[in-house]
């Protein structure tokens, strides 16, 4: 469900996020937010959510890297290094 509110920007460029939207988004006092702008639209997101998304994105890359490198790790030619 989408929640829409009208807010005003202060002289210093500050805004207040309405309580019901903060509750829905799980934003609490002291939380850090990332502000992104794209094509005139502004997105606020908790830094924790971004970190989690990046972690999830990199899991696939890490898995692919491990699969690719196993070909080299299990190479017979490299078995010589086990004796040194």
N, C-alpha and C. Protein backbone atom coordinates (compact mmCIF):
# COMPACT_ATOMS: atom_id res chain seq x y z
N UNK A 1 0.84 -1.18 0.00
CA UNK A 1 0.00 0.00 0.00
C UNK A 1 0.89 1.24 0.00
N UNK A 2 0.50 2.23 -0.76
CA UNK A 2 1.26 3.46 -0.86
C UNK A 2 0.64 4.52 0.03
N UNK A 3 1.49 5.23 0.75
CA UNK A 3 1.04 6.31 1.61
C UNK A 3 1.56 7.62 1.03
N UNK A 4 0.69 8.59 0.85
CA UNK A 4 1.08 9.87 0.27
C UNK A 4 0.76 10.98 1.26
N UNK A 5 1.75 11.85 1.48
CA UNK A 5 1.59 13.00 2.37
C UNK A 5 2.20 14.22 1.71
N UNK A 6 1.74 15.39 2.08
CA UNK A 6 2.33 16.64 1.62
C UNK A 6 3.13 17.21 2.78
N UNK A 7 4.38 17.60 2.49
CA UNK A 7 5.24 18.21 3.49
C UNK A 7 5.85 19.47 2.90
N UNK A 8 6.38 20.34 3.77
CA UNK A 8 7.03 21.55 3.32
C UNK A 8 8.52 21.48 3.63
N UNK A 9 9.29 22.08 2.75
CA UNK A 9 10.73 22.17 2.95
C UNK A 9 11.01 23.47 3.70
N UNK A 10 11.82 23.36 4.77
CA UNK A 10 12.16 24.54 5.56
C UNK A 10 13.17 25.42 4.83
N UNK A 11 13.43 26.58 5.40
CA UNK A 11 14.41 27.52 4.84
C UNK A 11 15.79 26.87 4.70
N UNK A 12 16.10 25.93 5.60
CA UNK A 12 17.39 25.24 5.58
C UNK A 12 17.37 23.97 4.73
N UNK A 13 16.25 23.71 4.03
CA UNK A 13 16.15 22.53 3.18
C UNK A 13 15.75 21.28 3.95
N UNK A 14 15.28 21.46 5.17
CA UNK A 14 14.92 20.31 6.00
C UNK A 14 13.45 19.93 5.77
N UNK A 15 13.18 18.64 5.95
CA UNK A 15 11.81 18.14 5.89
C UNK A 15 11.57 17.27 7.12
N UNK A 16 10.30 17.09 7.46
CA UNK A 16 9.92 16.17 8.53
C UNK A 16 9.14 15.03 7.88
N UNK A 17 9.57 13.82 8.14
CA UNK A 17 8.87 12.65 7.61
C UNK A 17 7.70 12.35 8.56
N UNK A 18 6.49 12.33 8.05
CA UNK A 18 5.33 12.08 8.91
C UNK A 18 5.45 10.76 9.70
N UNK A 19 4.93 10.77 10.90
CA UNK A 19 5.03 9.63 11.82
C UNK A 19 4.55 8.33 11.20
N UNK A 20 3.39 8.35 10.55
CA UNK A 20 2.86 7.09 10.01
C UNK A 20 3.78 6.52 8.91
N UNK A 21 4.40 7.38 8.14
CA UNK A 21 5.33 6.90 7.12
C UNK A 21 6.60 6.38 7.76
N UNK A 22 7.09 7.06 8.81
CA UNK A 22 8.28 6.56 9.54
C UNK A 22 8.00 5.19 10.12
N UNK A 23 6.82 5.00 10.67
CA UNK A 23 6.46 3.71 11.26
C UNK A 23 6.41 2.61 10.20
N UNK A 24 5.78 2.90 9.07
CA UNK A 24 5.68 1.92 7.99
C UNK A 24 7.08 1.55 7.48
N UNK A 25 7.94 2.56 7.34
CA UNK A 25 9.29 2.33 6.81
C UNK A 25 10.26 1.84 7.87
N UNK A 26 9.84 1.84 9.12
CA UNK A 26 10.73 1.38 10.20
C UNK A 26 11.85 2.35 10.49
N UNK A 27 11.59 3.63 10.29
CA UNK A 27 12.60 4.67 10.54
C UNK A 27 12.44 5.17 11.97
N UNK A 28 13.54 5.11 12.72
CA UNK A 28 13.54 5.55 14.12
C UNK A 28 14.54 6.68 14.32
N UNK A 29 14.39 7.38 15.43
CA UNK A 29 15.33 8.45 15.75
C UNK A 29 16.76 7.91 15.74
N UNK A 30 17.65 8.63 15.08
CA UNK A 30 19.05 8.22 15.03
C UNK A 30 19.40 7.35 13.83
N UNK A 31 18.39 6.83 13.12
CA UNK A 31 18.68 6.03 11.93
C UNK A 31 19.33 6.90 10.87
N UNK A 32 20.21 6.27 10.09
CA UNK A 32 20.84 6.97 8.97
C UNK A 32 20.10 6.61 7.70
N UNK A 33 19.88 7.63 6.87
CA UNK A 33 19.18 7.44 5.60
C UNK A 33 20.10 7.84 4.46
N UNK A 34 19.91 7.19 3.34
CA UNK A 34 20.60 7.56 2.11
C UNK A 34 19.59 8.32 1.26
N UNK A 35 20.01 9.44 0.69
CA UNK A 35 19.16 10.24 -0.17
C UNK A 35 19.67 10.08 -1.60
N UNK A 36 18.78 9.65 -2.49
CA UNK A 36 19.15 9.47 -3.89
C UNK A 36 18.20 10.27 -4.76
N UNK A 37 18.75 10.84 -5.83
CA UNK A 37 17.94 11.59 -6.79
C UNK A 37 18.12 10.96 -8.15
N UNK A 38 17.02 10.77 -8.86
CA UNK A 38 17.06 10.23 -10.22
C UNK A 38 15.91 10.84 -11.02
N UNK A 39 16.26 11.54 -12.05
CA UNK A 39 15.25 12.16 -12.93
C UNK A 39 14.24 13.00 -12.16
N UNK A 40 14.72 13.78 -11.20
CA UNK A 40 13.85 14.67 -10.44
C UNK A 40 13.08 14.02 -9.31
N UNK A 41 13.26 12.72 -9.13
CA UNK A 41 12.58 12.01 -8.03
C UNK A 41 13.59 11.77 -6.92
N UNK A 42 13.13 11.86 -5.69
CA UNK A 42 14.00 11.68 -4.53
C UNK A 42 13.57 10.43 -3.78
N UNK A 43 14.55 9.60 -3.43
CA UNK A 43 14.30 8.37 -2.69
C UNK A 43 15.09 8.42 -1.40
N UNK A 44 14.43 8.13 -0.30
CA UNK A 44 15.09 7.99 1.00
C UNK A 44 15.05 6.52 1.36
N UNK A 45 16.19 6.00 1.80
CA UNK A 45 16.22 4.60 2.22
C UNK A 45 17.18 4.45 3.38
N UNK A 46 16.83 3.56 4.30
CA UNK A 46 17.71 3.30 5.44
C UNK A 46 19.00 2.69 4.95
N UNK A 47 20.12 3.11 5.52
CA UNK A 47 21.41 2.58 5.10
C UNK A 47 21.48 1.08 5.35
N UNK A 48 20.83 0.59 6.39
CA UNK A 48 20.85 -0.84 6.70
C UNK A 48 20.21 -1.64 5.58
N UNK A 49 19.14 -1.12 4.98
CA UNK A 49 18.48 -1.83 3.89
C UNK A 49 19.37 -1.88 2.66
N UNK A 50 20.05 -0.78 2.38
CA UNK A 50 20.95 -0.74 1.24
C UNK A 50 22.09 -1.73 1.45
N UNK A 51 22.64 -1.77 2.67
CA UNK A 51 23.73 -2.70 2.96
C UNK A 51 23.28 -4.14 2.75
N UNK A 52 22.08 -4.45 3.20
CA UNK A 52 21.54 -5.81 3.05
C UNK A 52 21.35 -6.16 1.57
N UNK A 53 20.81 -5.20 0.80
CA UNK A 53 20.61 -5.44 -0.62
C UNK A 53 21.94 -5.69 -1.32
N UNK A 54 22.95 -4.89 -0.98
CA UNK A 54 24.26 -5.06 -1.60
C UNK A 54 24.86 -6.40 -1.21
N UNK A 55 24.68 -6.79 0.04
CA UNK A 55 25.17 -8.09 0.50
C UNK A 55 24.51 -9.21 -0.29
N UNK A 56 23.20 -9.10 -0.48
CA UNK A 56 22.47 -10.11 -1.25
C UNK A 56 22.93 -10.14 -2.70
N UNK A 57 23.17 -8.96 -3.29
CA UNK A 57 23.63 -8.89 -4.67
C UNK A 57 25.00 -9.54 -4.82
N UNK A 58 25.87 -9.32 -3.84
CA UNK A 58 27.22 -9.85 -3.93
C UNK A 58 27.30 -11.34 -3.62
N UNK A 59 26.27 -11.90 -2.97
CA UNK A 59 26.26 -13.34 -2.71
C UNK A 59 26.32 -14.11 -4.01
N UNK A 60 25.55 -13.68 -5.00
CA UNK A 60 25.54 -14.36 -6.30
C UNK A 60 26.90 -14.23 -6.98
N UNK A 61 27.49 -13.05 -6.92
CA UNK A 61 28.80 -12.83 -7.52
C UNK A 61 29.86 -13.67 -6.82
N UNK A 62 29.79 -13.74 -5.50
CA UNK A 62 30.75 -14.54 -4.74
C UNK A 62 30.62 -16.03 -5.10
N UNK A 63 29.39 -16.50 -5.19
CA UNK A 63 29.15 -17.90 -5.53
C UNK A 63 29.71 -18.22 -6.92
N UNK A 64 29.46 -17.32 -7.89
CA UNK A 64 29.98 -17.51 -9.23
C UNK A 64 31.50 -17.51 -9.23
N UNK A 65 32.11 -16.62 -8.46
CA UNK A 65 33.57 -16.56 -8.36
C UNK A 65 34.13 -17.86 -7.79
N UNK A 66 33.48 -18.38 -6.75
CA UNK A 66 33.94 -19.62 -6.14
C UNK A 66 33.86 -20.79 -7.13
N UNK A 67 32.77 -20.85 -7.87
CA UNK A 67 32.60 -21.92 -8.86
C UNK A 67 33.69 -21.81 -9.93
N UNK A 68 33.92 -20.58 -10.39
CA UNK A 68 34.93 -20.37 -11.43
C UNK A 68 36.33 -20.72 -10.93
N UNK A 69 36.65 -20.32 -9.71
CA UNK A 69 37.99 -20.55 -9.18
C UNK A 69 38.23 -22.00 -8.78
N UNK A 70 37.18 -22.75 -8.50
CA UNK A 70 37.36 -24.17 -8.16
C UNK A 70 38.01 -24.92 -9.31
N UNK A 71 37.76 -24.47 -10.55
CA UNK A 71 38.40 -25.10 -11.70
C UNK A 71 39.92 -24.99 -11.60
N UNK A 72 40.38 -23.84 -11.11
CA UNK A 72 41.82 -23.64 -10.96
C UNK A 72 42.35 -24.34 -9.71
N UNK A 73 41.58 -24.30 -8.64
CA UNK A 73 42.02 -24.90 -7.38
C UNK A 73 42.14 -26.42 -7.49
N UNK A 74 41.31 -27.01 -8.31
CA UNK A 74 41.34 -28.47 -8.41
C UNK A 74 42.17 -28.94 -9.61
N UNK A 75 43.00 -28.07 -10.13
CA UNK A 75 43.84 -28.40 -11.27
C UNK A 75 44.97 -29.33 -10.86
N UNK A 76 45.19 -30.40 -11.63
CA UNK A 76 46.26 -31.37 -11.35
C UNK A 76 47.63 -30.68 -11.41
N UNK A 77 47.77 -29.72 -12.32
CA UNK A 77 49.05 -29.03 -12.46
C UNK A 77 49.43 -28.27 -11.19
N UNK A 78 48.45 -27.84 -10.45
CA UNK A 78 48.72 -27.08 -9.22
C UNK A 78 48.93 -27.96 -8.00
N UNK A 79 48.72 -29.25 -8.13
CA UNK A 79 48.91 -30.16 -6.99
C UNK A 79 50.35 -30.15 -6.48
N UNK A 80 51.27 -29.74 -7.31
CA UNK A 80 52.67 -29.68 -6.89
C UNK A 80 52.86 -28.73 -5.71
N UNK A 81 52.04 -27.71 -5.61
CA UNK A 81 52.16 -26.73 -4.53
C UNK A 81 51.80 -27.34 -3.17
N UNK A 82 51.05 -28.41 -3.17
CA UNK A 82 50.70 -29.07 -1.91
C UNK A 82 51.90 -29.73 -1.24
N UNK A 83 52.93 -30.03 -2.03
CA UNK A 83 54.12 -30.70 -1.48
C UNK A 83 55.13 -29.71 -0.94
N UNK A 84 54.96 -28.45 -1.20
CA UNK A 84 55.94 -27.44 -0.77
C UNK A 84 55.53 -26.84 0.56
